Amino acid sequence: MKSSAAGGERTSTIVAALVDTNILVYRFDHSSPHKQATATELLRKGIAQDSLRLSHQTIVEFVSSVTRSRRGEKPLMPRSEAFREAEELLSQFVILYPNEALVRTALRGTAAYELSWYDAHMWAYAEHYGLSELLSEDFEHGRLYGTVRAVNPFIS
């Protein structure tokens, strides 16, 4: 079982990446086979190498995203399955939790980088916990935000 970071202190930069919600969702989205395969492989390697971290926000957004209807189609998974998957994620990854300093960093990120609140909050987790990369398709690929480099794993 993986441990969770309580969020009380900032860590030094470590060789690990923060995973954004979209990667977790693509793992279960059959409409994009390339993204599904990439997300699956990325998560498997991350578990094996203990090189990925998830935020509390990512778990919450994942459950919300996979259980809501998409463009008139049924959800990617029923609530009970999403809850089971969230429990699996909690046991497979180190989960990072917010604190006051992290929220303040997110507020600064909305101003400095003109990020949406949710993206700024996601970036703030990586910045606060000293993670070198943020894996997401929602940020400018290759751009450095503070000390965190955004990487879109779906770009070949």
Protein backbone atom coordinates (compact mmCIF):
# COMPACT_ATOMS: atom_id res chain seq x y z
CA MET A 1 0.00 0.00 0.00
CA LYS A 2 1.30 3.44 -0.95
CA SER A 3 1.59 6.23 1.55
CA SER A 4 -0.06 9.60 1.25
CA ALA A 5 1.57 12.98 1.61
CA ALA A 6 -0.15 14.94 4.34
CA GLY A 7 0.58 18.28 2.73
CA GLY A 8 2.12 19.94 5.73
CA GLU A 9 5.56 20.44 4.25
CA ARG A 10 7.13 21.13 0.90
CA THR A 11 9.44 18.46 -0.42
CA SER A 12 12.57 18.97 -2.48
CA THR A 13 12.34 18.27 -6.20
CA ILE A 14 12.02 14.55 -6.74
CA VAL A 15 12.04 12.47 -9.86
CA ALA A 16 8.33 11.93 -10.13
CA ALA A 17 5.50 13.33 -12.17
CA LEU A 18 2.00 14.42 -11.28
CA VAL A 19 -0.77 12.82 -13.33
CA ASP A 20 -3.70 14.97 -14.42
CA THR A 21 -7.25 13.63 -14.44
CA ASN A 22 -7.49 13.30 -18.22
CA ILE A 23 -4.90 10.52 -18.23
CA LEU A 24 -6.88 8.49 -15.70
CA VAL A 25 -10.08 9.03 -17.69
CA TYR A 26 -8.49 7.99 -21.01
CA ARG A 27 -7.52 4.69 -19.40
CA PHE A 28 -11.23 3.81 -19.54
CA ASP A 29 -12.27 5.71 -22.68
CA HIS A 30 -12.64 3.29 -25.59
CA SER A 31 -13.43 6.10 -28.05
CA SER A 32 -9.73 6.97 -28.38
CA PRO A 33 -7.72 3.72 -28.60
CA HIS A 34 -4.36 5.52 -29.00
CA LYS A 35 -4.90 7.64 -25.89
CA GLN A 36 -6.26 4.66 -23.98
CA ALA A 37 -3.17 2.57 -24.81
CA THR A 38 -0.81 5.44 -23.96
CA ALA A 39 -2.55 6.14 -20.64
CA THR A 40 -2.59 2.44 -19.72
CA GLU A 41 1.11 1.99 -20.43
CA LEU A 42 2.05 5.22 -18.67
CA LEU A 43 0.14 4.26 -15.52
CA ARG A 44 1.52 0.69 -15.50
CA LYS A 45 5.10 1.96 -15.75
CA GLY A 46 4.43 4.59 -13.11
CA ILE A 47 3.15 2.00 -10.66
CA ALA A 48 6.09 -0.33 -11.34
CA GLN A 49 8.66 2.47 -10.99
CA ASP A 50 6.83 4.42 -8.26
CA SER A 51 7.36 7.48 -10.46
CA LEU A 52 3.87 8.97 -10.57
CA ARG A 53 1.81 10.86 -8.01
CA LEU A 54 -1.90 11.66 -7.92
CA SER A 55 -3.54 14.60 -6.24
CA HIS A 56 -6.65 14.45 -4.12
CA GLN A 57 -8.23 16.67 -6.80
CA THR A 58 -7.45 14.10 -9.50
CA ILE A 59 -9.28 11.33 -7.66
CA VAL A 60 -12.36 13.53 -7.13
CA GLU A 61 -12.40 14.73 -10.75
CA PHE A 62 -11.87 11.18 -12.04
CA VAL A 63 -14.96 9.84 -10.26
CA SER A 64 -17.02 12.82 -11.43
CA SER A 65 -15.85 12.55 -15.03
CA VAL A 66 -16.29 8.82 -15.58
CA THR A 67 -19.74 8.70 -13.97
CA ARG A 68 -21.44 11.51 -15.89
CA SER A 69 -23.11 11.20 -19.28
CA ARG A 70 -21.04 12.32 -22.22
CA ARG A 71 -22.76 13.96 -25.20
CA GLY A 72 -25.88 11.88 -24.83
CA GLU A 73 -23.95 8.65 -24.31
CA LYS A 74 -23.89 6.65 -21.12
CA PRO A 75 -21.06 7.25 -18.61
CA LEU A 76 -17.72 5.48 -19.03
CA MET A 77 -18.49 3.43 -15.93
CA PRO A 78 -21.18 2.97 -13.31
CA ARG A 79 -20.69 4.71 -9.96
CA SER A 80 -19.92 1.49 -8.10
CA GLU A 81 -17.13 0.64 -10.55
CA ALA A 82 -15.75 4.20 -10.41
CA PHE A 83 -15.66 4.04 -6.61
CA ARG A 84 -13.81 0.69 -6.74
CA GLU A 85 -11.32 2.14 -9.23
CA ALA A 86 -10.80 5.20 -7.00
CA GLU A 87 -10.00 2.87 -4.10
CA GLU A 88 -7.50 1.03 -6.31
CA LEU A 89 -5.85 4.32 -7.27
CA LEU A 90 -5.61 5.25 -3.60
CA SER A 91 -3.74 2.01 -2.90
CA GLN A 92 -1.48 2.12 -5.99
CA PHE A 93 -0.21 5.71 -5.91
CA VAL A 94 1.06 8.24 -3.42
CA ILE A 95 -1.81 10.72 -3.04
CA LEU A 96 -1.03 14.39 -2.44
CA TYR A 97 -3.40 16.53 -0.39
CA PRO A 98 -3.96 20.29 -0.43
CA ASN A 99 -3.02 22.71 2.31
CA GLU A 100 -3.03 26.48 2.70
CA ALA A 101 0.34 27.00 1.01
CA LEU A 102 -0.74 24.93 -1.98
CA VAL A 103 -3.98 26.91 -2.38
CA ARG A 104 -2.02 30.17 -2.19
CA THR A 105 0.33 28.85 -4.87
CA ALA A 106 -2.68 28.02 -7.05
CA LEU A 107 -4.02 31.54 -6.61
CA ARG A 108 -0.69 32.94 -7.78
CA GLY A 109 -0.71 30.49 -10.70
CA THR A 110 -4.02 31.81 -11.97
CA ALA A 111 -2.51 35.30 -12.15
CA ALA A 112 1.03 34.48 -13.28
CA TYR A 113 0.15 31.90 -15.94
CA GLU A 114 -3.47 32.81 -16.66
CA LEU A 115 -4.54 29.25 -15.88
CA SER A 116 -8.08 28.24 -15.03
CA TRP A 117 -8.63 27.65 -11.33
CA TYR A 118 -8.61 23.86 -11.70
CA ASP A 119 -5.47 23.83 -13.86
CA ALA A 120 -3.72 26.27 -11.52
CA HIS A 121 -4.63 24.05 -8.60
CA MET A 122 -3.26 20.98 -10.42
CA TRP A 123 -0.02 22.82 -11.25
CA ALA A 124 0.24 24.00 -7.63
CA TYR A 125 0.30 20.39 -6.39
CA ALA A 126 3.36 19.69 -8.54
CA GLU A 127 5.04 22.97 -7.65
CA HIS A 128 4.33 22.65 -3.92
CA TYR A 129 5.46 19.03 -3.66
CA GLY A 130 8.58 19.54 -5.79
CA LEU A 131 7.56 17.32 -8.69
CA SER A 132 9.47 17.91 -11.91
CA GLU A 133 6.68 17.17 -14.41
CA LEU A 134 2.94 17.54 -14.81
CA LEU A 135 1.53 14.98 -17.24
CA SER A 136 -1.50 16.50 -18.94
CA GLU A 137 -2.92 17.49 -22.28
CA ASP A 138 -4.38 20.66 -20.73
CA PHE A 139 -1.11 22.62 -20.54
CA GLU A 140 1.31 23.88 -23.18
CA HIS A 141 3.55 20.89 -23.95
CA GLY A 142 7.15 21.45 -22.90
CA ARG A 143 6.48 24.75 -21.15
CA LEU A 144 8.03 25.39 -17.77
CA TYR A 145 5.55 26.70 -15.19
CA GLY A 146 7.65 27.72 -12.21
CA THR A 147 9.78 24.63 -11.59
CA VAL A 148 7.35 22.22 -13.26
CA ARG A 149 7.52 21.17 -16.91
CA ALA A 150 4.22 20.34 -18.61
CA VAL A 151 4.36 17.14 -20.66
CA ASN A 152 1.59 15.94 -22.95
CA PRO A 153 2.11 12.16 -23.10
CA PHE A 154 -0.18 11.88 -26.12
CA ILE A 155 2.17 13.82 -28.39
CA SER A 156 4.30 11.39 -30.39
